[in-house]
């Protein structure tokens, strides 16, 4: 996680896991907690292959991230990182 933070790379919280055998979002909370400890930024994805799944569980993920200690996440526009407050 330290190397990821030093490289300025964000990791993705992906909610598509709840539709697969993994049974839930990934990465697991323990990994997100360690990422936060090292200052790794996070982004959000739902692997939406249907319009009904776009932003799937967005509020729940944001809430969990706040519990871990995150106050913001990132998204990318034209390959440029954009930092925004958690909703």
N, C-alpha and C. Protein backbone atom coordinates (compact mmCIF):
# COMPACT_ATOMS: atom_id res chain seq x y z
N UNK A 1 0.81 -1.19 0.00
CA UNK A 1 0.00 0.00 0.00
C UNK A 1 0.86 1.26 0.00
N UNK A 2 2.00 1.16 0.67
CA UNK A 2 2.88 2.32 0.71
C UNK A 2 3.35 2.70 -0.69
N UNK A 3 3.70 1.71 -1.49
CA UNK A 3 4.16 1.97 -2.85
C UNK A 3 3.02 2.55 -3.69
N UNK A 4 1.82 2.02 -3.53
CA UNK A 4 0.67 2.55 -4.26
C UNK A 4 0.48 4.02 -3.92
N UNK A 5 0.54 4.35 -2.63
CA UNK A 5 0.39 5.75 -2.20
C UNK A 5 1.49 6.62 -2.78
N UNK A 6 2.73 6.14 -2.73
CA UNK A 6 3.86 6.93 -3.24
C UNK A 6 3.74 7.19 -4.74
N UNK A 7 3.12 6.26 -5.46
CA UNK A 7 2.94 6.42 -6.91
C UNK A 7 1.72 7.26 -7.26
N UNK A 8 0.92 7.61 -6.27
CA UNK A 8 -0.26 8.43 -6.53
C UNK A 8 -1.37 7.71 -7.26
N UNK A 9 -1.39 6.39 -7.13
CA UNK A 9 -2.40 5.58 -7.80
C UNK A 9 -3.59 5.38 -6.86
N UNK A 10 -4.79 5.45 -7.39
CA UNK A 10 -6.00 5.19 -6.61
C UNK A 10 -6.42 3.74 -6.80
N UNK A 11 -7.04 3.17 -5.77
CA UNK A 11 -7.62 1.85 -5.91
C UNK A 11 -9.14 2.00 -6.04
N UNK A 12 -9.75 1.04 -6.70
CA UNK A 12 -11.18 1.11 -6.97
C UNK A 12 -11.98 0.24 -6.00
N UNK A 13 -13.01 0.83 -5.42
CA UNK A 13 -14.02 0.05 -4.72
C UNK A 13 -15.03 -0.33 -5.77
N UNK A 14 -15.25 -1.63 -5.95
CA UNK A 14 -16.11 -2.11 -7.01
C UNK A 14 -17.27 -2.90 -6.41
N UNK A 15 -18.49 -2.49 -6.74
CA UNK A 15 -19.67 -3.14 -6.16
C UNK A 15 -20.18 -4.32 -6.98
N UNK A 16 -19.53 -4.64 -8.07
CA UNK A 16 -20.01 -5.76 -8.88
C UNK A 16 -19.83 -7.10 -8.17
N UNK A 17 -19.00 -7.14 -7.14
CA UNK A 17 -18.78 -8.39 -6.42
C UNK A 17 -20.04 -8.98 -5.82
N UNK A 18 -21.01 -8.12 -5.54
CA UNK A 18 -22.25 -8.66 -4.95
C UNK A 18 -23.05 -9.47 -5.97
N UNK A 19 -22.70 -9.36 -7.23
CA UNK A 19 -23.39 -10.14 -8.26
C UNK A 19 -22.59 -11.39 -8.64
N UNK A 20 -21.47 -11.62 -7.95
CA UNK A 20 -20.58 -12.74 -8.26
C UNK A 20 -20.36 -13.59 -7.02
N UNK A 21 -19.58 -14.62 -7.15
CA UNK A 21 -19.31 -15.52 -6.03
C UNK A 21 -18.56 -14.87 -4.89
N UNK A 22 -17.92 -13.72 -5.12
CA UNK A 22 -17.19 -13.06 -4.04
C UNK A 22 -18.15 -12.54 -2.98
N UNK A 23 -19.41 -12.33 -3.32
CA UNK A 23 -20.43 -12.03 -2.34
C UNK A 23 -20.52 -10.60 -1.86
N UNK A 24 -19.72 -9.72 -2.35
CA UNK A 24 -19.80 -8.33 -1.88
C UNK A 24 -18.82 -7.44 -2.59
N UNK A 25 -18.79 -6.22 -2.13
CA UNK A 25 -17.86 -5.25 -2.74
C UNK A 25 -16.43 -5.72 -2.53
N UNK A 26 -15.57 -5.22 -3.35
CA UNK A 26 -14.16 -5.46 -3.12
C UNK A 26 -13.39 -4.21 -3.48
N UNK A 27 -12.25 -3.99 -2.87
CA UNK A 27 -11.58 -4.86 -1.91
C UNK A 27 -12.29 -4.88 -0.56
N UNK A 28 -11.87 -5.82 0.28
CA UNK A 28 -12.44 -5.99 1.61
C UNK A 28 -12.11 -4.79 2.49
N UNK A 29 -12.91 -4.62 3.54
CA UNK A 29 -12.70 -3.50 4.47
C UNK A 29 -11.28 -3.45 5.02
N UNK A 30 -10.71 -4.60 5.35
CA UNK A 30 -9.36 -4.61 5.92
C UNK A 30 -8.35 -3.99 4.96
N UNK A 31 -8.52 -4.24 3.68
CA UNK A 31 -7.62 -3.66 2.68
C UNK A 31 -7.87 -2.16 2.57
N UNK A 32 -9.14 -1.75 2.59
CA UNK A 32 -9.45 -0.32 2.53
C UNK A 32 -8.91 0.42 3.75
N UNK A 33 -8.98 -0.21 4.92
CA UNK A 33 -8.44 0.41 6.13
C UNK A 33 -6.93 0.58 6.02
N UNK A 34 -6.27 -0.42 5.50
CA UNK A 34 -4.81 -0.33 5.33
C UNK A 34 -4.47 0.73 4.28
N UNK A 35 -5.26 0.77 3.21
CA UNK A 35 -5.04 1.79 2.17
C UNK A 35 -5.18 3.19 2.77
N UNK A 36 -6.20 3.39 3.59
CA UNK A 36 -6.39 4.70 4.22
C UNK A 36 -5.20 5.04 5.11
N UNK A 37 -4.73 4.07 5.86
CA UNK A 37 -3.58 4.28 6.74
C UNK A 37 -2.38 4.83 5.95
N UNK A 38 -2.18 4.32 4.75
CA UNK A 38 -1.04 4.75 3.93
C UNK A 38 -1.36 5.95 3.03
N UNK A 39 -2.59 6.43 3.06
CA UNK A 39 -2.94 7.59 2.25
C UNK A 39 -3.27 7.27 0.80
N UNK A 40 -3.65 6.03 0.54
CA UNK A 40 -4.02 5.64 -0.82
C UNK A 40 -5.41 6.21 -1.13
N UNK A 41 -5.54 6.87 -2.26
CA UNK A 41 -6.82 7.40 -2.69
C UNK A 41 -7.69 6.28 -3.25
N UNK A 42 -9.01 6.50 -3.23
CA UNK A 42 -9.95 5.51 -3.74
C UNK A 42 -10.86 6.12 -4.79
N UNK A 43 -11.33 5.26 -5.67
CA UNK A 43 -12.32 5.62 -6.66
C UNK A 43 -13.43 4.58 -6.61
N UNK A 44 -14.51 4.82 -7.31
CA UNK A 44 -15.70 3.97 -7.22
C UNK A 44 -16.06 3.43 -8.58
N UNK A 45 -16.47 2.17 -8.62
CA UNK A 45 -16.95 1.56 -9.86
C UNK A 45 -18.01 0.52 -9.57
N UNK A 46 -18.88 0.31 -10.53
CA UNK A 46 -19.91 -0.71 -10.36
C UNK A 46 -19.94 -1.72 -11.50
N UNK A 47 -19.02 -1.60 -12.45
CA UNK A 47 -19.01 -2.49 -13.61
C UNK A 47 -20.40 -2.62 -14.20
N UNK A 48 -21.06 -1.51 -14.35
CA UNK A 48 -22.45 -1.50 -14.81
C UNK A 48 -22.53 -1.86 -16.28
N UNK A 49 -23.09 -3.03 -16.54
CA UNK A 49 -23.32 -3.45 -17.91
C UNK A 49 -24.78 -3.24 -18.30
N UNK A 50 -25.54 -2.70 -17.35
CA UNK A 50 -26.93 -2.31 -17.60
C UNK A 50 -27.15 -0.97 -16.89
N UNK A 51 -27.96 -0.12 -17.48
CA UNK A 51 -28.21 1.20 -16.87
C UNK A 51 -28.68 1.12 -15.42
N UNK A 52 -29.41 0.10 -15.05
CA UNK A 52 -29.94 -0.01 -13.69
C UNK A 52 -28.84 -0.19 -12.64
N UNK A 53 -27.65 -0.56 -13.06
CA UNK A 53 -26.56 -0.80 -12.11
C UNK A 53 -25.56 0.35 -12.03
N UNK A 54 -25.76 1.41 -12.80
CA UNK A 54 -24.86 2.56 -12.71
C UNK A 54 -24.93 3.14 -11.30
N UNK A 55 -23.79 3.34 -10.69
CA UNK A 55 -23.67 3.88 -9.33
C UNK A 55 -24.32 2.97 -8.28
N UNK A 56 -24.33 1.68 -8.54
CA UNK A 56 -24.90 0.70 -7.62
C UNK A 56 -24.25 0.81 -6.24
N UNK A 57 -25.04 1.04 -5.21
CA UNK A 57 -24.59 1.13 -3.82
C UNK A 57 -23.68 2.32 -3.53
N UNK A 58 -23.78 3.36 -4.33
CA UNK A 58 -22.92 4.54 -4.16
C UNK A 58 -22.99 5.09 -2.74
N UNK A 59 -24.18 5.31 -2.22
CA UNK A 59 -24.31 5.90 -0.88
C UNK A 59 -23.76 4.97 0.20
N UNK A 60 -24.00 3.67 0.06
CA UNK A 60 -23.50 2.72 1.05
C UNK A 60 -21.98 2.68 1.05
N UNK A 61 -21.38 2.71 -0.12
CA UNK A 61 -19.92 2.71 -0.22
C UNK A 61 -19.36 4.00 0.39
N UNK A 62 -19.95 5.13 0.05
CA UNK A 62 -19.49 6.40 0.61
C UNK A 62 -19.59 6.39 2.13
N UNK A 63 -20.66 5.85 2.66
CA UNK A 63 -20.85 5.78 4.11
C UNK A 63 -19.77 4.92 4.75
N UNK A 64 -19.50 3.77 4.15
CA UNK A 64 -18.47 2.88 4.70
C UNK A 64 -17.10 3.53 4.64
N UNK A 65 -16.81 4.22 3.55
CA UNK A 65 -15.53 4.91 3.44
C UNK A 65 -15.39 5.99 4.51
N UNK A 66 -16.47 6.72 4.78
CA UNK A 66 -16.42 7.73 5.85
C UNK A 66 -16.14 7.06 7.20
N UNK A 67 -16.75 5.90 7.45
CA UNK A 67 -16.49 5.16 8.69
C UNK A 67 -15.02 4.79 8.81
N UNK A 68 -14.40 4.43 7.71
CA UNK A 68 -12.98 4.08 7.70
C UNK A 68 -12.11 5.30 7.93
N UNK A 69 -12.59 6.47 7.51
CA UNK A 69 -11.83 7.71 7.70
C UNK A 69 -11.63 8.53 6.45
N UNK A 70 -12.07 8.02 5.32
CA UNK A 70 -11.95 8.78 4.07
C UNK A 70 -12.91 9.96 4.09
N UNK A 71 -12.52 11.04 3.47
CA UNK A 71 -13.38 12.22 3.32
C UNK A 71 -13.56 12.60 1.86
N UNK A 72 -12.80 11.94 0.98
CA UNK A 72 -12.89 12.24 -0.45
C UNK A 72 -12.55 11.00 -1.24
N UNK A 73 -12.90 11.05 -2.51
CA UNK A 73 -12.49 10.03 -3.45
C UNK A 73 -12.17 10.70 -4.76
N UNK A 74 -11.74 9.92 -5.73
CA UNK A 74 -11.30 10.51 -6.99
C UNK A 74 -12.05 9.87 -8.15
N UNK A 75 -12.09 10.60 -9.24
CA UNK A 75 -12.52 10.05 -10.52
C UNK A 75 -11.59 10.65 -11.57
N UNK A 76 -11.67 10.13 -12.76
CA UNK A 76 -10.76 10.57 -13.81
C UNK A 76 -11.55 11.17 -14.96
N UNK A 77 -11.07 12.31 -15.44
CA UNK A 77 -11.67 12.98 -16.58
C UNK A 77 -10.53 13.35 -17.52
N UNK A 78 -10.61 12.85 -18.75
CA UNK A 78 -9.52 13.06 -19.72
C UNK A 78 -8.18 12.66 -19.14
N UNK A 79 -8.16 11.52 -18.45
CA UNK A 79 -6.95 10.95 -17.85
C UNK A 79 -6.37 11.79 -16.72
N UNK A 80 -7.12 12.77 -16.24
CA UNK A 80 -6.67 13.61 -15.15
C UNK A 80 -7.48 13.30 -13.90
N UNK A 81 -6.78 13.12 -12.81
CA UNK A 81 -7.43 12.79 -11.55
C UNK A 81 -8.19 14.01 -11.02
N UNK A 82 -9.43 13.77 -10.64
CA UNK A 82 -10.29 14.81 -10.04
C UNK A 82 -10.62 14.35 -8.61
N UNK A 83 -10.38 15.19 -7.65
CA UNK A 83 -10.62 14.85 -6.24
C UNK A 83 -11.92 15.54 -5.81
N UNK A 84 -12.85 14.78 -5.24
CA UNK A 84 -14.12 15.34 -4.77
C UNK A 84 -14.44 14.80 -3.38
N UNK A 85 -15.20 15.57 -2.64
CA UNK A 85 -15.67 15.13 -1.32
C UNK A 85 -16.63 13.96 -1.48
N UNK A 86 -16.63 13.08 -0.53
CA UNK A 86 -17.60 11.98 -0.53
C UNK A 86 -19.00 12.56 -0.42
N UNK A 87 -19.97 11.97 -1.13
CA UNK A 87 -21.34 12.50 -1.04
C UNK A 87 -21.94 12.28 0.35
